[in-house]
Amino acid sequence: MQKPARYLVIVEQDGGMLARLFDDDMRLAAEFDASSEEVVVMTAGLQPQRGAIAAQWDKPLRGHSASERAAALVYTLDV
């Protein structure tokens, strides 16, 4: 059974915006276009943290540049 998503990260990739869902263990649960309606629904009423530069994001966001990670929006989802 898959754990529920805890974090939603909106990050730039290849000129577009990507939504990535992670569980409590920072394992990728899903990845989709950040312009989808799902993002609007999931983030309603939530305030993001700007930047995914903490060490906990090193492995989950490997492949993203430092500037992409600094500009990322991190939402902590109600589980």
Protein backbone atom coordinates (compact mmCIF):
# COMPACT_ATOMS: atom_id res chain seq x y z
CA MET A 1 0.00 0.00 0.00
CA GLN A 2 1.36 3.41 -0.99
CA LYS A 3 1.76 6.06 1.69
CA PRO A 4 -0.22 9.28 1.22
CA ALA A 5 1.50 12.27 -0.32
CA ARG A 6 2.81 14.75 2.23
CA TYR A 7 4.60 17.31 0.04
CA LEU A 8 3.75 18.91 -3.27
CA VAL A 9 6.70 20.58 -4.96
CA ILE A 10 6.21 22.89 -7.93
CA VAL A 11 9.51 23.16 -9.77
CA GLU A 12 10.68 24.26 -13.20
CA GLN A 13 11.84 21.58 -15.60
CA ASP A 14 12.71 22.01 -19.27
CA GLY A 15 11.03 25.41 -19.42
CA GLY A 16 7.73 24.20 -17.94
CA MET A 17 6.42 23.79 -14.43
CA LEU A 18 6.26 20.31 -12.93
CA ALA A 19 4.29 19.16 -9.89
CA ARG A 20 5.95 16.39 -7.89
CA LEU A 21 4.30 14.63 -4.96
CA PHE A 22 6.41 13.05 -2.21
CA ASP A 23 5.49 10.97 0.83
CA ASP A 24 6.87 11.45 4.38
CA ASP A 25 9.96 9.44 3.43
CA MET A 26 10.62 11.81 0.50
CA ARG A 27 9.82 9.09 -2.05
CA LEU A 28 8.28 10.28 -5.30
CA ALA A 29 4.59 9.34 -5.39
CA ALA A 30 3.51 11.12 -8.60
CA GLU A 31 4.62 13.66 -11.15
CA PHE A 32 2.42 15.75 -13.47
CA ASP A 33 2.02 19.12 -15.20
CA ALA A 34 1.76 21.88 -12.59
CA SER A 35 -0.89 23.69 -14.64
CA SER A 36 -3.39 20.89 -14.03
CA GLU A 37 -6.54 21.44 -12.01
CA GLU A 38 -5.31 18.90 -9.45
CA VAL A 39 -2.70 21.41 -8.28
CA VAL A 40 -5.33 24.10 -7.76
CA VAL A 41 -7.45 21.72 -5.69
CA MET A 42 -4.54 20.39 -3.60
CA THR A 43 -3.15 23.83 -2.78
CA ALA A 44 -6.41 25.62 -1.98
CA GLY A 45 -5.92 27.47 1.31
CA LEU A 46 -2.27 26.42 1.69
CA GLN A 47 0.76 28.72 1.79
CA PRO A 48 3.91 27.40 0.12
CA GLN A 49 7.44 27.64 1.37
CA ARG A 50 9.73 29.14 -1.27
CA GLY A 51 12.79 27.07 -2.03
CA ALA A 52 13.66 23.40 -1.76
CA ILE A 53 17.29 23.96 -0.87
CA ALA A 54 17.44 22.13 2.47
CA ALA A 55 19.47 18.93 2.55
CA GLN A 56 16.31 16.83 2.78
CA TRP A 57 15.58 17.77 -0.85
CA ASP A 58 19.02 16.85 -2.23
CA LYS A 59 18.11 13.30 -3.23
CA PRO A 60 14.41 13.80 -4.15
CA LEU A 61 15.22 16.74 -6.44
CA ARG A 62 18.52 15.58 -7.87
CA GLY A 63 18.71 16.61 -11.48
CA HIS A 64 17.26 20.04 -10.76
CA SER A 65 19.63 22.99 -10.76
CA ALA A 66 20.28 25.10 -7.67
CA SER A 67 18.28 27.95 -9.19
CA GLU A 68 15.33 25.67 -9.97
CA ARG A 69 15.37 24.37 -6.40
CA ALA A 70 15.64 27.87 -4.95
CA ALA A 71 12.59 28.99 -6.94
CA ALA A 72 10.53 25.88 -6.16
CA LEU A 73 7.33 26.12 -4.15
CA VAL A 74 6.90 23.48 -1.46
CA TYR A 75 3.44 22.79 -0.05
CA THR A 76 2.91 20.59 2.99
CA LEU A 77 -0.34 18.76 2.37
CA ASP A 78 -2.96 17.90 4.96
CA VAL A 79 -2.88 14.13 5.24
